[in-house]
PDB file of N, CA and C in Angstrom:
ATOM      1  N   UNK A   1     -11.720  -5.449  -5.797  1.00  0.00           N
ATOM      2  CA  UNK A   1     -10.444  -5.511  -6.412  1.00  0.00           C
ATOM      3  C   UNK A   1      -9.767  -4.670  -7.206  1.00  0.00           C
ATOM      4  N   UNK A   2      -8.573  -3.858  -7.009  1.00  0.00           N
ATOM      5  CA  UNK A   2      -8.116  -3.234  -7.645  1.00  0.00           C
ATOM      6  C   UNK A   2      -7.014  -3.629  -8.236  1.00  0.00           C
ATOM      7  N   UNK A   3      -6.940  -4.021  -9.265  1.00  0.00           N
ATOM      8  CA  UNK A   3      -5.277  -4.085  -9.573  1.00  0.00           C
ATOM      9  C   UNK A   3      -4.145  -3.097 -10.142  1.00  0.00           C
ATOM     10  N   UNK A   4      -2.863  -3.411 -10.677  1.00  0.00           N
ATOM     11  CA  UNK A   4      -2.050  -2.523 -10.566  1.00  0.00           C
ATOM     12  C   UNK A   4      -0.509  -3.293 -11.040  1.00  0.00           C
ATOM     13  N   UNK A   5       0.064  -2.163 -12.088  1.00  0.00           N
ATOM     14  CA  UNK A   5       1.006  -3.190 -12.224  1.00  0.00           C
ATOM     15  C   UNK A   5       2.310  -2.140 -12.807  1.00  0.00           C
ATOM     16  N   UNK A   6       3.494  -2.630 -12.788  1.00  0.00           N
ATOM     17  CA  UNK A   6       4.664  -1.094 -12.534  1.00  0.00           C
ATOM     18  C   UNK A   6       4.409  -0.387 -14.002  1.00  0.00           C
ATOM     19  N   UNK A   7       4.990   0.379 -13.673  1.00  0.00           N
ATOM     20  CA  UNK A   7       5.320   1.332 -15.245  1.00  0.00           C
ATOM     21  C   UNK A   7       6.832   1.745 -15.159  1.00  0.00           C
ATOM     22  N   UNK A   8       7.119   0.944 -16.200  1.00  0.00           N
ATOM     23  CA  UNK A   8       8.979   1.948 -15.795  1.00  0.00           C
ATOM     24  C   UNK A   8       9.208   2.969 -16.589  1.00  0.00           C
ATOM     25  N   UNK A   9      10.342   3.280 -16.449  1.00  0.00           N
ATOM     26  CA  UNK A   9      10.392   4.241 -17.047  1.00  0.00           C
ATOM     27  C   UNK A   9      11.666   4.497 -17.421  1.00  0.00           C
ATOM     28  N   UNK A  10      12.800   4.893 -18.770  1.00  0.00           N
ATOM     29  CA  UNK A  10      14.140   5.169 -18.731  1.00  0.00           C
ATOM     30  C   UNK A  10      14.862   5.642 -16.982  1.00  0.00           C
ATOM     31  N   UNK A  11      13.774   6.623 -16.595  1.00  0.00           N
ATOM     32  CA  UNK A  11      14.474   7.480 -15.625  1.00  0.00           C
ATOM     33  C   UNK A  11      14.373   6.001 -14.331  1.00  0.00           C
ATOM     34  N   UNK A  12      15.209   5.797 -13.317  1.00  0.00           N
ATOM     35  CA  UNK A  12      14.604   4.754 -12.463  1.00  0.00           C
ATOM     36  C   UNK A  12      13.531   5.387 -11.683  1.00  0.00           C
ATOM     37  N   UNK A  13      13.528   6.811 -11.148  1.00  0.00           N
ATOM     38  CA  UNK A  13      12.917   7.359 -10.358  1.00  0.00           C
ATOM     39  C   UNK A  13      11.256   7.662 -10.845  1.00  0.00           C
ATOM     40  N   UNK A  14      11.695   7.751 -11.798  1.00  0.00           N
ATOM     41  CA  UNK A  14      10.065   8.025 -12.576  1.00  0.00           C
ATOM     42  C   UNK A  14       8.891   6.845 -12.577  1.00  0.00           C
ATOM     43  N   UNK A  15       9.862   5.739 -12.032  1.00  0.00           N
ATOM     44  CA  UNK A  15       8.662   3.877 -12.881  1.00  0.00           C
ATOM     45  C   UNK A  15       8.168   4.480 -11.264  1.00  0.00           C
ATOM     46  N   UNK A  16       7.058   3.490 -11.718  1.00  0.00           N
ATOM     47  CA  UNK A  16       5.973   4.117 -10.759  1.00  0.00           C
ATOM     48  C   UNK A  16       5.558   2.280 -10.033  1.00  0.00           C
ATOM     49  N   UNK A  17       5.553   1.456  -8.983  1.00  0.00           N
ATOM     50  CA  UNK A  17       5.436   0.894  -8.659  1.00  0.00           C
ATOM     51  C   UNK A  17       4.209   0.132  -8.685  1.00  0.00           C
ATOM     52  N   UNK A  18       3.697  -1.051  -8.918  1.00  0.00           N
ATOM     53  CA  UNK A  18       1.917  -1.485  -8.975  1.00  0.00           C
ATOM     54  C   UNK A  18       1.318  -1.364  -7.970  1.00  0.00           C
ATOM     55  N   UNK A  19       1.744  -0.408  -6.431  1.00  0.00           N
ATOM     56  CA  UNK A  19       1.046  -1.151  -5.426  1.00  0.00           C
ATOM     57  C   UNK A  19       0.289   0.507  -5.806  1.00  0.00           C
ATOM     58  N   UNK A  20       1.373   1.600  -5.689  1.00  0.00           N
ATOM     59  CA  UNK A  20       1.121   2.589  -5.778  1.00  0.00           C
ATOM     60  C   UNK A  20      -0.270   2.940  -6.977  1.00  0.00           C
ATOM     61  N   UNK A  21       0.811   1.667  -8.242  1.00  0.00           N
ATOM     62  CA  UNK A  21      -0.655   2.220  -8.592  1.00  0.00           C
ATOM     63  C   UNK A  21      -2.444   1.671  -8.711  1.00  0.00           C
ATOM     64  N   UNK A  22      -2.556   0.760  -8.089  1.00  0.00           N
ATOM     65  CA  UNK A  22      -3.934   0.162  -7.541  1.00  0.00           C
ATOM     66  C   UNK A  22      -3.893   1.134  -6.595  1.00  0.00           C
ATOM     67  N   UNK A  23      -2.978   1.894  -5.963  1.00  0.00           N
ATOM     68  CA  UNK A  23      -3.672   2.626  -5.034  1.00  0.00           C
ATOM     69  C   UNK A  23      -4.151   4.334  -5.440  1.00  0.00           C
ATOM     70  N   UNK A  24      -3.574   4.507  -6.842  1.00  0.00           N
ATOM     71  CA  UNK A  24      -4.095   6.053  -7.624  1.00  0.00           C
ATOM     72  C   UNK A  24      -5.018   5.711  -8.498  1.00  0.00           C
ATOM     73  N   UNK A  25      -5.825   4.618  -9.105  1.00  0.00           N
ATOM     74  CA  UNK A  25      -6.652   4.161  -9.770  1.00  0.00           C
ATOM     75  C   UNK A  25      -7.907   3.801  -8.550  1.00  0.00           C
ATOM     76  N   UNK A  26      -7.798   3.308  -7.465  1.00  0.00           N
ATOM     77  CA  UNK A  26      -9.017   2.904  -6.248  1.00  0.00           C
ATOM     78  C   UNK A  26      -9.279   4.554  -6.058  1.00  0.00           C
ATOM     79  N   UNK A  27      -7.998   5.338  -5.809  1.00  0.00           N
ATOM     80  CA  UNK A  27      -9.017   6.504  -5.181  1.00  0.00           C
ATOM     81  C   UNK A  27      -9.465   7.349  -6.409  1.00  0.00           C
ATOM     82  N   UNK A  28      -8.859   7.199  -7.792  1.00  0.00           N
ATOM     83  CA  UNK A  28      -8.868   8.367  -8.710  1.00  0.00           C
ATOM     84  C   UNK A  28     -11.012   7.828  -8.771  1.00  0.00           C
ATOM     85  N   UNK A  29     -11.431   6.769  -8.242  1.00  0.00           N
ATOM     86  CA  UNK A  29     -12.769   6.245  -8.958  1.00  0.00           C
ATOM     87  C   UNK A  29     -13.193   6.043  -7.263  1.00  0.00           C
ATOM     88  N   UNK A  30     -12.768   6.735  -6.057  1.00  0.00           N
ATOM     89  CA  UNK A  30     -13.524   7.279  -4.889  1.00  0.00           C
ATOM     90  C   UNK A  30     -12.909   5.836  -4.412  1.00  0.00           C
ATOM     91  N   UNK A  31     -12.218   4.864  -4.177  1.00  0.00           N
ATOM     92  CA  UNK A  31     -12.541   4.280  -3.105  1.00  0.00           C
ATOM     93  C   UNK A  31     -11.515   4.330  -2.310  1.00  0.00           C
ATOM     94  N   UNK A  32     -11.451   4.899  -1.079  1.00  0.00           N
ATOM     95  CA  UNK A  32     -10.199   5.135  -0.264  1.00  0.00           C
ATOM     96  C   UNK A  32      -9.668   4.475   0.569  1.00  0.00           C
ATOM     97  N   UNK A  33     -10.697   2.653   1.188  1.00  0.00           N
ATOM     98  CA  UNK A  33     -10.706   2.431   2.612  1.00  0.00           C
ATOM     99  C   UNK A  33     -10.005   0.985   1.823  1.00  0.00           C
ATOM    100  N   UNK A  34      -8.872   0.532   2.282  1.00  0.00           N
ATOM    101  CA  UNK A  34      -7.779  -0.350   2.378  1.00  0.00           C
ATOM    102  C   UNK A  34      -8.206  -1.620   3.018  1.00  0.00           C
ATOM    103  N   UNK A  35      -8.485  -2.493   3.329  1.00  0.00           N
ATOM    104  CA  UNK A  35      -8.537  -3.704   4.110  1.00  0.00           C
ATOM    105  C   UNK A  35      -6.382  -4.755   3.831  1.00  0.00           C
ATOM    106  N   UNK A  36      -6.329  -4.795   2.430  1.00  0.00           N
ATOM    107  CA  UNK A  36      -5.257  -5.680   2.118  1.00  0.00           C
ATOM    108  C   UNK A  36      -4.974  -5.467   0.850  1.00  0.00           C
ATOM    109  N   UNK A  37      -3.978  -5.712   0.525  1.00  0.00           N
ATOM    110  CA  UNK A  37      -2.681  -6.024  -0.706  1.00  0.00           C
ATOM    111  C   UNK A  37      -2.399  -7.060  -0.870  1.00  0.00           C
ATOM    112  N   UNK A  38      -1.953  -7.706  -2.163  1.00  0.00           N
ATOM    113  CA  UNK A  38      -1.926  -8.519  -2.627  1.00  0.00           C
ATOM    114  C   UNK A  38      -0.898  -8.117  -3.391  1.00  0.00           C
ATOM    115  N   UNK A  39       0.595  -8.544  -2.877  1.00  0.00           N
ATOM    116  CA  UNK A  39       1.742  -8.343  -3.705  1.00  0.00           C
ATOM    117  C   UNK A  39       2.258  -9.679  -4.410  1.00  0.00           C
ATOM    118  N   UNK A  40       3.016  -9.988  -6.173  1.00  0.00           N
ATOM    119  CA  UNK A  40       3.540 -10.879  -6.959  1.00  0.00           C
ATOM    120  C   UNK A  40       4.634  -9.508  -7.450  1.00  0.00           C
ATOM    121  N   UNK A  41       5.268 -11.018  -7.433  1.00  0.00           N
ATOM    122  CA  UNK A  41       6.264 -11.246  -8.070  1.00  0.00           C
ATOM    123  C   UNK A  41       6.633 -12.240  -8.833  1.00  0.00           C
ATOM    124  N   UNK A  42       8.102 -11.941  -9.482  1.00  0.00           N
ATOM    125  CA  UNK A  42       7.943 -13.349 -10.906  1.00  0.00           C
ATOM    126  C   UNK A  42       9.827 -14.155 -10.899  1.00  0.00           C
ATOM    127  N   UNK A  43       9.400 -14.677  -9.139  1.00  0.00           N
ATOM    128  CA  UNK A  43      10.498 -15.256  -8.761  1.00  0.00           C
ATOM    129  C   UNK A  43      10.077 -16.124  -7.590  1.00  0.00           C
ATOM    130  N   UNK A  44      10.504 -17.281  -8.349  1.00  0.00           N
ATOM    131  CA  UNK A  44      10.177 -18.200  -7.765  1.00  0.00           C
ATOM    132  C   UNK A  44      10.424 -18.823  -6.107  1.00  0.00           C
ATOM    133  N   UNK A  45      11.754 -18.620  -5.156  1.00  0.00           N
ATOM    134  CA  UNK A  45      12.204 -19.298  -4.627  1.00  0.00           C
ATOM    135  C   UNK A  45      11.679 -16.935  -3.286  1.00  0.00           C
ATOM    136  N   UNK A  46      11.727 -16.650  -3.698  1.00  0.00           N
ATOM    137  CA  UNK A  46      11.876 -15.082  -2.324  1.00  0.00           C
ATOM    138  C   UNK A  46      10.095 -14.111  -3.002  1.00  0.00           C
ATOM    139  N   UNK A  47      10.309 -14.327  -1.276  1.00  0.00           N
ATOM    140  CA  UNK A  47       8.914 -13.366  -1.513  1.00  0.00           C
ATOM    141  C   UNK A  47       9.323 -11.890  -1.838  1.00  0.00           C
ATOM    142  N   UNK A  48       8.578 -11.368  -2.277  1.00  0.00           N
ATOM    143  CA  UNK A  48       8.717  -9.805  -2.598  1.00  0.00           C
ATOM    144  C   UNK A  48       7.933  -8.490  -1.965  1.00  0.00           C
ATOM    145  N   UNK A  49       8.119  -8.014  -1.500  1.00  0.00           N
ATOM    146  CA  UNK A  49       7.390  -6.792  -0.330  1.00  0.00           C
ATOM    147  C   UNK A  49       7.614  -5.195  -1.132  1.00  0.00           C
ATOM    148  N   UNK A  50       6.582  -4.570  -0.425  1.00  0.00           N
ATOM    149  CA  UNK A  50       6.443  -2.937  -0.964  1.00  0.00           C
ATOM    150  C   UNK A  50       8.064  -3.006  -0.613  1.00  0.00           C
ATOM    151  N   UNK A  51       8.274  -1.861  -1.648  1.00  0.00           N
ATOM    152  CA  UNK A  51       8.905  -0.746  -1.202  1.00  0.00           C
ATOM    153  C   UNK A  51       8.913   0.224  -0.196  1.00  0.00           C
ATOM    154  N   UNK A  52       9.928   1.150   0.165  1.00  0.00           N
ATOM    155  CA  UNK A  52       9.520   2.247   1.209  1.00  0.00           C
ATOM    156  C   UNK A  52       8.797   3.307   0.837  1.00  0.00           C
ATOM    157  N   UNK A  53       8.805   3.250  -0.542  1.00  0.00           N
ATOM    158  CA  UNK A  53       7.566   5.009  -1.378  1.00  0.00           C
ATOM    159  C   UNK A  53       6.020   4.203  -0.507  1.00  0.00           C
ATOM    160  N   UNK A  54       6.318   3.119  -1.350  1.00  0.00           N
ATOM    161  CA  UNK A  54       4.671   2.251  -1.530  1.00  0.00           C
ATOM    162  C   UNK A  54       4.331   2.070  -0.764  1.00  0.00           C
ATOM    163  N   UNK A  55       5.283   1.262   0.869  1.00  0.00           N
ATOM    164  CA  UNK A  55       4.898   1.184   2.047  1.00  0.00           C
ATOM    165  C   UNK A  55       4.187   2.477   2.690  1.00  0.00           C
ATOM    166  N   UNK A  56       5.353   3.592   2.570  1.00  0.00           N
ATOM    167  CA  UNK A  56       4.487   4.894   2.835  1.00  0.00           C
ATOM    168  C   UNK A  56       3.334   5.337   2.619  1.00  0.00           C
ATOM    169  N   UNK A  57       3.335   4.359   0.866  1.00  0.00           N
ATOM    170  CA  UNK A  57       2.140   5.351  -0.044  1.00  0.00           C
ATOM    171  C   UNK A  57       0.168   4.710   0.638  1.00  0.00           C
ATOM    172  N   UNK A  58       0.485   3.243   1.010  1.00  0.00           N
ATOM    173  CA  UNK A  58      -0.411   2.097   1.642  1.00  0.00           C
ATOM    174  C   UNK A  58      -0.838   2.563   3.404  1.00  0.00           C
ATOM    175  N   UNK A  59       0.929   2.600   3.648  1.00  0.00           N
ATOM    176  CA  UNK A  59       0.065   4.376   5.472  1.00  0.00           C
ATOM    177  C   UNK A  59      -0.670   4.677   5.013  1.00  0.00           C
ATOM    178  N   UNK A  60      -0.614   6.295   4.471  1.00  0.00           N
ATOM    179  CA  UNK A  60      -2.003   7.229   4.705  1.00  0.00           C
ATOM    180  C   UNK A  60      -3.134   6.999   4.583  1.00  0.00           C
ATOM    181  N   UNK A  61      -3.252   5.299   3.952  1.00  0.00           N
ATOM    182  CA  UNK A  61      -4.818   4.937   3.742  1.00  0.00           C
ATOM    183  C   UNK A  61      -5.121   4.002   4.608  1.00  0.00           C
ATOM    184  N   UNK A  62      -4.068   2.805   5.595  1.00  0.00           N
ATOM    185  CA  UNK A  62      -4.199   2.015   6.148  1.00  0.00           C
ATOM    186  C   UNK A  62      -3.748   1.639   7.339  1.00  0.00           C
ATOM    187  N   UNK A  63      -2.430   2.508   8.616  1.00  0.00           N
ATOM    188  CA  UNK A  63      -0.779   2.240   9.033  1.00  0.00           C
ATOM    189  C   UNK A  63      -1.586   0.820   9.355  1.00  0.00           C
ATOM    190  N   UNK A  64      -2.617  -0.049   9.543  1.00  0.00           N
ATOM    191  CA  UNK A  64      -3.178  -1.625   9.922  1.00  0.00           C
ATOM    192  C   UNK A  64      -3.079  -2.719   8.960  1.00  0.00           C
ATOM    193  N   UNK A  65      -2.919  -2.568   7.163  1.00  0.00           N
ATOM    194  CA  UNK A  65      -3.135  -3.372   6.809  1.00  0.00           C
ATOM    195  C   UNK A  65      -2.366  -4.266   6.471  1.00  0.00           C
ATOM    196  N   UNK A  66      -3.660  -5.297   5.582  1.00  0.00           N
ATOM    197  CA  UNK A  66      -2.415  -6.703   5.689  1.00  0.00           C
ATOM    198  C   UNK A  66      -2.127  -6.993   4.317  1.00  0.00           C
ATOM    199  N   UNK A  67      -0.931  -7.700   4.264  1.00  0.00           N
ATOM    200  CA  UNK A  67      -0.385  -7.459   3.602  1.00  0.00           C
ATOM    201  C   UNK A  67      -0.259  -8.702   2.291  1.00  0.00           C
ATOM    202  N   UNK A  68       0.162  -9.260   1.921  1.00  0.00           N
ATOM    203  CA  UNK A  68      -0.555 -11.129   1.009  1.00  0.00           C
ATOM    204  C   UNK A  68       1.113 -10.568  -0.319  1.00  0.00           C
ATOM    205  N   UNK A  69       2.108 -11.612   0.274  1.00  0.00           N
ATOM    206  CA  UNK A  69       2.909 -11.296  -0.721  1.00  0.00           C
ATOM    207  C   UNK A  69       3.242 -12.784  -1.444  1.00  0.00           C
ATOM    208  N   UNK A  70       2.883 -12.785  -2.501  1.00  0.00           N
ATOM    209  CA  UNK A  70       2.790 -14.316  -3.261  1.00  0.00           C
ATOM    210  C   UNK A  70       3.889 -13.973  -3.971  1.00  0.00           C
ATOM    211  N   UNK A  71       4.342 -16.226  -4.121  1.00  0.00           N
ATOM    212  CA  UNK A  71       5.332 -16.218  -5.259  1.00  0.00           C
ATOM    213  C   UNK A  71       5.288 -16.440  -6.602  1.00  0.00           C
ATOM    214  N   UNK A  72       5.921 -17.353  -7.716  1.00  0.00           N
ATOM    215  CA  UNK A  72       5.416 -17.542  -8.736  1.00  0.00           C
ATOM    216  C   UNK A  72       4.183 -19.172  -8.070  1.00  0.00           C
ATOM    217  N   UNK A  73       5.383 -19.628  -6.970  1.00  0.00           N
ATOM    218  CA  UNK A  73       5.094 -21.074  -7.034  1.00  0.00           C
ATOM    219  C   UNK A  73       3.704 -21.490  -5.976  1.00  0.00           C
ATOM    220  N   UNK A  74       2.479 -20.004  -5.177  1.00  0.00           N
ATOM    221  CA  UNK A  74       0.976 -19.870  -5.892  1.00  0.00           C
ATOM    222  C   UNK A  74       1.553 -19.808  -3.595  1.00  0.00           C
ATOM    223  N   UNK A  75       2.830 -19.887  -3.562  1.00  0.00           N
ATOM    224  CA  UNK A  75       3.457 -19.693  -1.944  1.00  0.00           C
ATOM    225  C   UNK A  75       2.637 -17.963  -1.697  1.00  0.00           C
ATOM    226  N   UNK A  76       2.650 -18.059  -0.285  1.00  0.00           N
ATOM    227  CA  UNK A  76       2.130 -16.826   0.799  1.00  0.00           C
ATOM    228  C   UNK A  76       2.480 -16.378   1.664  1.00  0.00           C
ATOM    229  N   UNK A  77       3.136 -15.593   2.093  1.00  0.00           N
ATOM    230  CA  UNK A  77       3.458 -14.780   2.889  1.00  0.00           C
ATOM    231  C   UNK A  77       2.462 -14.093   3.220  1.00  0.00           C
ATOM    232  N   UNK A  78       1.931 -13.862   4.538  1.00  0.00           N
ATOM    233  CA  UNK A  78       1.157 -12.733   5.159  1.00  0.00           C
ATOM    234  C   UNK A  78       1.989 -12.055   6.187  1.00  0.00           C
ATOM    235  N   UNK A  79       1.963 -11.319   6.121  1.00  0.00           N
ATOM    236  CA  UNK A  79       2.274  -9.829   6.804  1.00  0.00           C
ATOM    237  C   UNK A  79       1.283  -8.682   7.147  1.00  0.00           C
ATOM    238  N   UNK A  80       2.210  -7.598   7.387  1.00  0.00           N
ATOM    239  CA  UNK A  80       1.356  -6.928   8.357  1.00  0.00           C
ATOM    240  C   UNK A  80       2.122  -5.653   7.891  1.00  0.00           C
ATOM    241  N   UNK A  81       1.344  -4.224   7.246  1.00  0.00           N
ATOM    242  CA  UNK A  81       1.972  -2.959   6.841  1.00  0.00           C
ATOM    243  C   UNK A  81       3.011  -2.175   8.659  1.00  0.00           C
ATOM    244  N   UNK A  82       1.931  -2.593  10.170  1.00  0.00           N
ATOM    245  CA  UNK A  82       3.308  -2.449  11.335  1.00  0.00           C
ATOM    246  C   UNK A  82       4.215  -3.881  11.413  1.00  0.00           C
ATOM    247  N   UNK A  83       4.487  -4.184  11.133  1.00  0.00           N
ATOM    248  CA  UNK A  83       5.823  -4.984  10.800  1.00  0.00           C
ATOM    249  C   UNK A  83       6.684  -4.133   9.416  1.00  0.00           C
ATOM    250  N   UNK A  84       6.197  -4.140   8.347  1.00  0.00           N
ATOM    251  CA  UNK A  84       7.135  -3.543   7.356  1.00  0.00           C
ATOM    252  C   UNK A  84       7.244  -2.524   7.267  1.00  0.00           C
ATOM    253  N   UNK A  85       6.619  -1.424   8.543  1.00  0.00           N
ATOM    254  CA  UNK A  85       7.240   0.159   7.834  1.00  0.00           C
ATOM    255  C   UNK A  85       6.501   0.183   9.875  1.00  0.00           C
ATOM    256  N   UNK A  86       6.875   0.058  11.425  1.00  0.00           N
ATOM    257  CA  UNK A  86       6.784   0.377  12.210  1.00  0.00           C
ATOM    258  C   UNK A  86       6.415   1.190  13.005  1.00  0.00           C
ATOM    259  N   UNK A  87       5.723   2.292  13.169  1.00  0.00           N
ATOM    260  CA  UNK A  87       5.634   3.165  13.754  1.00  0.00           C
ATOM    261  C   UNK A  87       5.177   4.635  12.748  1.00  0.00           C
ATOM    262  N   UNK A  88       4.807   4.281  11.299  1.00  0.00           N
ATOM    263  CA  UNK A  88       4.338   5.051  10.873  1.00  0.00           C
ATOM    264  C   UNK A  88       3.359   6.239  10.392  1.00  0.00           C
ATOM    265  N   UNK A  89       4.321   7.556   9.528  1.00  0.00           N
ATOM    266  CA  UNK A  89       3.924   8.547  10.360  1.00  0.00           C
ATOM    267  C   UNK A  89       2.452   8.079   8.343  1.00  0.00           C
ATOM    268  N   UNK A  90       1.343   8.426   9.980  1.00  0.00           N
ATOM    269  CA  UNK A  90      -0.709   8.475   8.579  1.00  0.00           C
ATOM    270  C   UNK A  90      -0.834   9.503   8.996  1.00  0.00           C
ATOM    271  N   UNK A  91      -1.733   9.876   8.201  1.00  0.00           N
ATOM    272  CA  UNK A  91      -2.783  10.795   8.605  1.00  0.00           C
ATOM    273  C   UNK A  91      -3.559  10.145   9.156  1.00  0.00           C
ATOM    274  N   UNK A  92      -4.435   9.021   9.270  1.00  0.00           N
ATOM    275  CA  UNK A  92      -5.777   8.407   9.716  1.00  0.00           C
ATOM    276  C   UNK A  92      -5.462   8.100  11.070  1.00  0.00           C
ATOM    277  N   UNK A  93      -3.797   8.153  11.601  1.00  0.00           N
ATOM    278  CA  UNK A  93      -3.192   7.895  13.073  1.00  0.00           C
ATOM    279  C   UNK A  93      -3.931   9.376  14.089  1.00  0.00           C
ATOM    280  N   UNK A  94      -3.823  10.017  12.758  1.00  0.00           N
ATOM    281  CA  UNK A  94      -3.966  11.596  13.344  1.00  0.00           C
ATOM    282  C   UNK A  94      -5.617  12.238  12.845  1.00  0.00           C
ATOM    283  N   UNK A  95      -5.691  12.980  13.320  1.00  0.00           N
ATOM    284  CA  UNK A  95      -7.226  13.885  13.817  1.00  0.00           C
ATOM    285  C   UNK A  95      -7.363  15.097  12.545  1.00  0.00           C
ATOM    286  N   UNK A  96      -6.730  14.860  11.823  1.00  0.00           N
ATOM    287  CA  UNK A  96      -7.125  15.647  10.626  1.00  0.00           C
ATOM    288  C   UNK A  96      -8.929  15.560   9.924  1.00  0.00           C
ATOM    289  N   UNK A  97      -9.381  16.146  10.188  1.00  0.00           N
ATOM    290  CA  UNK A  97     -10.697  15.905   9.006  1.00  0.00           C
ATOM    291  C   UNK A  97     -10.703  15.873   8.412  1.00  0.00           C
ATOM    292  N   UNK A  98      -9.636  16.381   7.022  1.00  0.00           N
ATOM    293  CA  UNK A  98      -9.858  15.955   5.644  1.00  0.00           C
ATOM    294  C   UNK A  98      -9.435  15.556   6.219  1.00  0.00           C
ATOM    295  N   UNK A  99      -9.334  14.488   6.040  1.00  0.00           N
ATOM    296  CA  UNK A  99      -7.780  13.164   5.707  1.00  0.00           C
ATOM    297  C   UNK A  99      -9.085  12.120   5.808  1.00  0.00           C
ATOM    298  N   UNK A 100      -9.314  12.126   7.031  1.00  0.00           N
ATOM    299  CA  UNK A 100     -10.025  10.945   8.163  1.00  0.00           C
ATOM    300  C   UNK A 100     -10.801  10.737   8.547  1.00  0.00           C
ATOM    301  N   UNK A 101     -12.016  11.256   7.988  1.00  0.00           N
ATOM    302  CA  UNK A 101     -13.755  12.609   8.446  1.00  0.00           C
ATOM    303  C   UNK A 101     -13.946  12.531   9.788  1.00  0.00           C
ATOM    304  N   UNK A 102     -12.614  12.263  10.525  1.00  0.00           N
ATOM    305  CA  UNK A 102     -13.040  12.950  11.427  1.00  0.00           C
ATOM    306  C   UNK A 102     -13.772  14.698  11.381  1.00  0.00           C
ATOM    307  N   UNK A 103     -14.611  14.458  11.433  1.00  0.00           N
ATOM    308  CA  UNK A 103     -15.699  15.716  11.763  1.00  0.00           C
ATOM    309  C   UNK A 103     -15.447  16.077  13.063  1.00  0.00           C
ATOM    310  N   UNK A 104     -15.132  15.847  14.529  1.00  0.00           N
ATOM    311  CA  UNK A 104     -15.341  16.556  15.842  1.00  0.00           C
ATOM    312  C   UNK A 104     -14.337  16.821  16.533  1.00  0.00           C
ATOM    313  N   UNK A 105     -13.790  17.958  16.354  1.00  0.00           N
ATOM    314  CA  UNK A 105     -12.732  18.789  16.718  1.00  0.00           C
ATOM    315  C   UNK A 105     -12.184  18.412  18.165  1.00  0.00           C
ATOM    316  N   UNK A 106     -11.595  17.345  18.750  1.00  0.00           N
ATOM    317  CA  UNK A 106     -11.627  17.509  20.343  1.00  0.00           C
ATOM    318  C   UNK A 106     -10.338  17.948  21.087  1.00  0.00           C
ATOM    319  N   UNK A 107     -10.379  18.610  21.742  1.00  0.00           N
ATOM    320  CA  UNK A 107     -10.257  19.095  22.772  1.00  0.00           C
ATOM    321  C   UNK A 107      -8.938  18.781  23.729  1.00  0.00           C
TER     322      UNK A 107
END
């Protein structure tokens, strides 16, 4: 398990979400296989999903990832990146040797 947190910035666009923080932290230690992500927010009655930038970042590593959305009251909603970002452009779906371990080029 790899944790992350929001890193806020006075210039909102430069902030980094917890999901991307966790991905960067994991990749920097050599972890690149992600099965799922849990996202918690400090809202009692609403589930908070990943923003568009985080959805694309997650899709780079696993476009079929399970996503657990967690509320303060402990309720969990289970979804999938295919639902939140259908048809995602992902190197995992392409035959790119440098990214997904394909060593044999098919013709």
